[in-house]
Amino acid sequence: MSLTQSQKKTVLITGCSAGGIGHALCLRFSKAGWRVFATARRLEAMSTLAAEGIETLKLDVTSDESVNALVAQITSLTSGAGLNMLINNAGQPFAAPALDASIDGARAMFETNFFGVVRVNTAFQHLLVQAKGTIVHIGSIAAFIPLVFGAIYNASKAALHSYSNTLRYEVAPLGVQVVTVVTGGVKSAITTQPNYTMNMPPGSYYSRVAELVLSRKRDVIQAGWTTQAYADDVYRQLTGRSRFYHFWSKILRPAQIWAGSNAAIVRWVSALLPVEFFTLFLDRKFGFSRALAADAAEQKGRVKAE
């Protein structure tokens, strides 16, 4: 017997444009019988979800007006029953050497990747408390390892992880749980976005090696899990009771779950080895130091020839 809309568990997911992680999560939760509220800045970016019968709503996580309007919509759609799960997935990439990152670009990325999450959580707190719901943050292994030319993006994810850990502690007495999904490599549309290019000013020390490093980063991402495989694993870990902790007669979800290529490796290695290990390992993988040294030698040779 199929459940009515009012009987289904509810989940709101941000950042659900086609080809991304959020899009795949919507399909997976809907397949499992949840009532899914998919959101993105543009409704047309979610047309395939709408065709599947998933409710699509407009949301700009950087806008108070947009977020507050969505709260009113969800309150009405759920008849005030609350929200069982909120998945904060909306985000944007930012590739630039740490020394070359523009303040405006960095601030814009933090506005989406970090402050957008804070804004949405704050706005939906009453619906989450009412349903004794769960807040899920889509984090990244970038919070644990020094991915080259990713200093600003890495920092946004590290900030999200730290915020998530404290939020988990603060909302537990209210009956709300918080889980961070530490995401490894996933083949997603994020690498084809217009702003997934190297942000670099003229005269940068790194201008001649930027495209090499960026192309290798794209290769690593494209060798990752499919969005469907990722969504399946995340759903299993979020809802499978074998993943819960029984603590003082309470059933608790884990503070972190790990999914995506290399996530399991980073999980254990980051706990056992110092950050210097990752620096050496990633340098070998991306060839950053070698490329920079080769470029310096080439430039020196040209100067001598002149």
Protein backbone atom coordinates (compact mmCIF):
# COMPACT_ATOMS: atom_id res chain seq x y z
CA MET A 1 0.00 0.00 0.00
CA SER A 2 1.48 3.33 -1.06
CA LEU A 3 1.81 6.11 1.47
CA THR A 4 0.05 9.42 1.10
CA GLN A 5 2.14 12.59 0.95
CA SER A 6 1.31 13.39 4.58
CA GLN A 7 2.51 9.95 5.71
CA LYS A 8 5.88 10.07 4.00
CA LYS A 9 9.08 11.19 5.68
CA THR A 10 10.21 14.54 4.30
CA VAL A 11 13.63 15.66 3.09
CA LEU A 12 14.70 19.04 1.73
CA ILE A 13 17.85 19.04 -0.39
CA THR A 14 19.69 22.14 -1.61
CA GLY A 15 21.75 22.39 -4.79
CA CYS A 16 19.79 19.93 -6.95
CA SER A 17 20.71 20.99 -10.49
CA ALA A 18 21.00 18.20 -13.05
CA GLY A 19 24.26 16.26 -13.06
CA GLY A 20 25.18 16.96 -9.46
CA ILE A 21 25.21 15.18 -6.12
CA GLY A 22 22.00 16.85 -4.93
CA HIS A 23 20.15 15.70 -8.04
CA ALA A 24 21.20 12.08 -7.44
CA LEU A 25 20.24 12.27 -3.76
CA CYS A 26 16.76 13.48 -4.70
CA LEU A 27 16.23 10.48 -6.95
CA ARG A 28 17.52 8.05 -4.31
CA PHE A 29 15.35 9.37 -1.48
CA SER A 30 12.31 9.53 -3.75
CA LYS A 31 12.89 5.93 -4.83
CA ALA A 32 12.89 4.93 -1.15
CA GLY A 33 9.48 6.51 -0.61
CA TRP A 34 10.44 9.84 0.92
CA ARG A 35 8.69 13.07 0.04
CA VAL A 36 11.50 15.08 -1.53
CA PHE A 37 11.69 18.86 -1.81
CA ALA A 38 14.40 19.61 -4.37
CA THR A 39 15.78 23.14 -4.55
CA ALA A 40 18.07 25.16 -6.81
CA ARG A 41 18.41 28.73 -7.99
CA ARG A 42 16.74 27.89 -11.31
CA LEU A 43 13.68 25.65 -11.60
CA GLU A 44 14.61 24.69 -15.16
CA ALA A 45 17.82 23.11 -13.82
CA MET A 46 15.60 20.54 -12.05
CA SER A 47 13.21 19.74 -14.91
CA THR A 48 14.19 16.06 -14.93
CA LEU A 49 13.35 15.81 -11.22
CA ALA A 50 9.98 17.45 -11.79
CA ALA A 51 9.33 14.91 -14.54
CA GLU A 52 9.87 12.18 -11.92
CA GLY A 53 7.17 13.68 -9.71
CA ILE A 54 9.60 15.31 -7.28
CA GLU A 55 8.56 18.69 -5.92
CA THR A 56 10.97 21.37 -7.11
CA LEU A 57 11.27 24.75 -5.43
CA LYS A 58 13.40 27.80 -6.06
CA LEU A 59 16.09 28.66 -3.51
CA ASP A 60 19.09 30.95 -3.36
CA VAL A 61 20.96 30.07 -0.16
CA THR A 62 22.73 33.45 -0.21
CA SER A 63 19.44 35.35 0.08
CA ASP A 64 17.52 35.81 3.35
CA GLU A 65 14.38 36.62 1.37
CA SER A 66 14.63 33.44 -0.71
CA VAL A 67 15.31 31.21 2.30
CA ASN A 68 12.50 32.70 4.38
CA ALA A 69 10.07 32.32 1.48
CA LEU A 70 11.01 28.65 1.22
CA VAL A 71 10.40 28.11 4.94
CA ALA A 72 6.87 29.44 4.47
CA GLN A 73 6.36 27.14 1.47
CA ILE A 74 7.60 24.03 3.27
CA THR A 75 5.53 24.85 6.36
CA SER A 76 2.44 25.04 4.16
CA LEU A 77 3.27 21.94 2.10
CA THR A 78 3.86 19.83 5.21
CA SER A 79 0.87 21.30 7.04
CA GLY A 80 3.22 22.31 9.84
CA ALA A 81 4.31 18.73 10.54
CA GLY A 82 7.98 19.63 10.46
CA LEU A 83 10.92 18.43 8.38
CA ASN A 84 12.53 15.03 8.92
CA MET A 85 15.79 15.76 7.13
CA LEU A 86 17.60 18.77 5.68
CA ILE A 87 20.54 18.07 3.36
CA ASN A 88 22.76 21.10 2.78
CA ASN A 89 24.44 20.31 -0.52
CA ALA A 90 24.53 23.63 -2.39
CA GLY A 91 28.07 24.76 -3.06
CA GLN A 92 30.46 26.14 -5.62
CA PRO A 93 34.09 25.43 -6.53
CA PHE A 94 36.96 27.89 -6.37
CA ALA A 95 40.37 27.02 -7.80
CA ALA A 96 43.21 29.46 -7.18
CA PRO A 97 46.66 29.52 -5.59
CA ALA A 98 46.41 30.77 -2.02
CA LEU A 99 48.53 33.82 -2.86
CA ASP A 100 46.41 34.72 -5.89
CA ALA A 101 42.89 34.27 -4.51
CA SER A 102 40.79 37.39 -4.84
CA ILE A 103 38.99 38.51 -1.72
CA ASP A 104 35.75 39.06 -3.64
CA GLY A 105 35.89 35.57 -5.16
CA ALA A 106 36.72 33.95 -1.84
CA ARG A 107 33.95 35.84 -0.07
CA ALA A 108 31.38 34.85 -2.71
CA MET A 109 32.33 31.19 -2.39
CA PHE A 110 32.13 31.29 1.42
CA GLU A 111 28.73 32.96 1.12
CA THR A 112 27.42 29.83 -0.59
CA ASN A 113 29.53 27.05 0.90
CA PHE A 114 29.45 28.18 4.52
CA PHE A 115 27.18 31.12 5.30
CA GLY A 116 24.46 29.70 3.05
CA VAL A 117 24.40 26.58 5.22
CA VAL A 118 24.21 28.63 8.41
CA ARG A 119 21.39 30.71 6.92
CA VAL A 120 19.33 27.67 5.90
CA ASN A 121 19.83 25.83 9.20
CA THR A 122 18.81 28.87 11.21
CA ALA A 123 15.70 29.46 9.12
CA PHE A 124 14.53 25.83 9.29
CA GLN A 125 15.28 25.23 12.97
CA HIS A 126 11.65 25.15 14.13
CA LEU A 127 10.55 22.65 11.48
CA LEU A 128 13.53 20.43 12.31
CA VAL A 129 12.96 20.56 16.06
CA GLN A 130 9.27 19.83 15.60
CA ALA A 131 10.02 16.63 13.64
CA LYS A 132 13.10 15.68 15.70
CA GLY A 133 14.87 15.78 12.37
CA THR A 134 18.39 15.42 11.05
CA ILE A 135 20.64 18.05 9.46
CA VAL A 136 23.09 16.69 6.90
CA HIS A 137 26.06 18.66 5.62
CA ILE A 138 27.83 17.61 2.43
CA GLY A 139 31.46 18.11 3.40
CA SER A 140 34.67 17.07 1.69
CA ILE A 141 38.00 15.32 2.17
CA ALA A 142 39.37 18.75 1.20
CA ALA A 143 38.84 19.72 4.84
CA PHE A 144 41.52 17.21 5.82
CA ILE A 145 44.13 17.34 3.07
CA PRO A 146 46.01 20.21 1.35
CA LEU A 147 44.62 19.94 -2.18
CA VAL A 148 46.80 22.20 -4.32
CA PHE A 149 45.21 25.42 -5.62
CA GLY A 150 42.25 24.71 -3.36
CA ALA A 151 43.17 26.69 -0.25
CA ILE A 152 39.99 28.79 -0.20
CA TYR A 153 37.65 25.93 -1.08
CA ASN A 154 39.41 23.66 1.42
CA ALA A 155 39.00 26.33 4.08
CA SER A 156 35.26 26.63 3.39
CA LYS A 157 34.84 22.90 3.94
CA ALA A 158 37.00 22.92 7.07
CA ALA A 159 34.82 25.73 8.43
CA LEU A 160 31.71 23.70 7.60
CA HIS A 161 33.06 20.63 9.40
CA SER A 162 33.94 22.61 12.52
CA TYR A 163 30.55 24.34 12.53
CA SER A 164 28.83 20.98 12.06
CA ASN A 165 30.58 19.39 15.03
CA THR A 166 29.57 22.20 17.38
CA LEU A 167 26.05 22.43 15.97
CA ARG A 168 25.63 18.70 16.61
CA TYR A 169 26.43 19.24 20.28
CA GLU A 170 24.15 22.26 20.65
CA VAL A 171 21.03 20.83 18.99
CA ALA A 172 21.19 17.34 20.49
CA PRO A 173 19.13 18.38 23.56
CA LEU A 174 16.46 19.62 21.13
CA GLY A 175 16.19 16.18 19.55
CA VAL A 176 17.92 17.16 16.31
CA GLN A 177 20.90 15.23 14.95
CA VAL A 178 23.68 16.46 12.67
CA VAL A 179 25.75 14.40 10.24
CA THR A 180 28.61 15.50 8.00
CA VAL A 181 29.19 13.53 4.82
CA VAL A 182 32.92 13.63 4.11
CA THR A 183 32.91 13.40 0.34
CA GLY A 184 35.73 12.00 -1.77
CA GLY A 185 35.93 11.92 -5.56
CA VAL A 186 32.58 12.03 -7.36
CA LYS A 187 32.03 12.56 -11.08
CA SER A 188 29.72 15.53 -10.94
CA ALA A 189 28.74 18.51 -13.06
CA ILE A 190 30.65 20.81 -10.70
CA THR A 191 33.82 20.47 -12.81
CA THR A 192 31.99 21.75 -15.90
CA GLN A 193 30.71 24.90 -14.25
CA PRO A 194 31.96 28.17 -15.80
CA ASN A 195 33.74 29.15 -12.58
CA TYR A 196 35.65 25.87 -12.41
CA THR A 197 38.68 27.52 -13.95
CA MET A 198 41.86 28.82 -12.44
CA ASN A 199 41.42 32.22 -10.82
CA MET A 200 44.81 33.77 -11.39
CA PRO A 201 46.01 37.36 -11.97
CA PRO A 202 48.60 38.31 -14.61
CA GLY A 203 52.16 37.81 -13.43
CA SER A 204 51.34 34.99 -11.02
CA TYR A 205 54.22 32.73 -10.04
CA TYR A 206 52.00 29.80 -10.99
CA SER A 207 50.53 30.92 -14.32
CA ARG A 208 52.58 28.53 -16.46
CA VAL A 209 51.68 25.41 -14.45
CA ALA A 210 48.07 26.24 -13.62
CA GLU A 211 46.42 24.39 -16.48
CA LEU A 212 48.52 21.28 -15.87
CA VAL A 213 47.47 21.13 -12.22
CA LEU A 214 43.83 21.90 -12.99
CA SER A 215 43.64 19.24 -15.70
CA ARG A 216 45.03 16.65 -13.30
CA LYS A 217 42.49 17.69 -10.67
CA ARG A 218 39.74 17.21 -13.25
CA ASP A 219 41.12 13.78 -14.11
CA VAL A 220 41.06 12.74 -10.45
CA ILE A 221 37.47 13.91 -10.04
CA GLN A 222 36.32 12.23 -13.24
CA ALA A 223 37.86 8.97 -12.02
CA GLY A 224 35.64 9.14 -8.95
CA TRP A 225 32.33 7.52 -8.12
CA THR A 226 29.22 8.18 -10.17
CA THR A 227 26.68 10.44 -8.50
CA GLN A 228 24.27 7.50 -8.34
CA ALA A 229 26.77 5.25 -6.54
CA TYR A 230 27.51 8.10 -4.13
CA ALA A 231 23.81 8.76 -3.46
CA ASP A 232 23.15 5.06 -2.87
CA ASP A 233 25.97 4.83 -0.33
CA VAL A 234 25.04 8.05 1.47
CA TYR A 235 21.39 6.98 1.70
CA ARG A 236 22.40 3.60 3.09
CA GLN A 237 24.65 5.15 5.72
CA LEU A 238 22.13 7.81 6.72
CA THR A 239 19.19 5.45 7.08
CA GLY A 240 20.64 1.98 7.73
CA ARG A 241 20.16 1.19 11.41
CA SER A 242 23.40 -0.79 11.52
CA ARG A 243 25.19 2.54 11.15
CA PHE A 244 23.55 4.06 14.23
CA TYR A 245 25.09 4.19 17.68
CA HIS A 246 23.11 2.98 20.70
CA PHE A 247 24.14 5.31 23.49
CA TRP A 248 22.29 5.62 26.79
CA SER A 249 19.17 4.13 25.18
CA LYS A 250 19.32 6.71 22.40
CA ILE A 251 19.78 5.87 18.75
CA LEU A 252 22.34 8.28 17.34
CA ARG A 253 23.54 8.74 13.82
CA PRO A 254 27.32 9.02 13.46
CA ALA A 255 28.82 12.51 13.44
CA GLN A 256 30.54 11.75 10.14
CA ILE A 257 30.06 9.33 7.29
CA TRP A 258 32.52 8.94 4.44
CA ALA A 259 31.63 8.36 0.77
CA GLY A 260 33.29 8.77 -2.61
CA SER A 261 36.61 7.62 -4.02
CA ASN A 262 39.61 7.92 -1.69
CA ALA A 263 37.36 8.91 1.24
CA ALA A 264 38.12 5.75 3.21
CA ILE A 265 41.86 6.17 2.62
CA VAL A 266 41.82 9.79 3.76
CA ARG A 267 39.74 8.86 6.81
CA TRP A 268 42.34 6.51 8.22
CA VAL A 269 45.52 8.09 6.95
CA SER A 270 44.53 11.56 8.24
CA ALA A 271 44.01 10.03 11.68
CA LEU A 272 47.36 8.25 11.71
CA LEU A 273 49.82 10.38 9.75
CA PRO A 274 50.77 14.08 9.84
CA VAL A 275 49.77 16.59 7.18
CA GLU A 276 53.31 16.48 5.78
CA PHE A 277 52.53 13.01 4.44
CA PHE A 278 49.65 14.33 2.36
CA THR A 279 51.80 17.18 1.08
CA LEU A 280 54.39 14.73 -0.25
CA PHE A 281 51.80 12.28 -1.58
CA LEU A 282 49.72 14.91 -3.37
CA ASP A 283 52.81 16.58 -4.77
CA ARG A 284 53.76 13.30 -6.40
CA LYS A 285 50.24 12.82 -7.73
CA PHE A 286 49.81 16.28 -9.22
CA GLY A 287 53.46 16.94 -10.09
CA PHE A 288 53.16 20.48 -8.77
CA SER A 289 56.70 21.02 -7.46
CA ARG A 290 58.29 19.29 -10.45
CA ALA A 291 56.30 21.40 -12.89
CA LEU A 292 57.14 24.60 -11.04
CA ALA A 293 60.85 23.70 -10.88
CA ALA A 294 60.90 22.81 -14.58
CA ASP A 295 59.26 26.11 -15.44
CA ALA A 296 61.77 28.04 -13.32
CA ALA A 297 64.66 26.24 -15.03
CA GLU A 298 63.19 27.00 -18.45
CA GLN A 299 62.77 30.66 -17.60
CA LYS A 300 66.34 30.83 -16.30
CA GLY A 301 67.63 29.23 -19.49
CA ARG A 302 65.80 31.79 -21.60
CA VAL A 303 67.29 34.65 -19.62
CA LYS A 304 70.80 33.26 -20.13
CA ALA A 305 70.17 32.78 -23.85
CA GLU A 306 69.17 36.39 -24.15
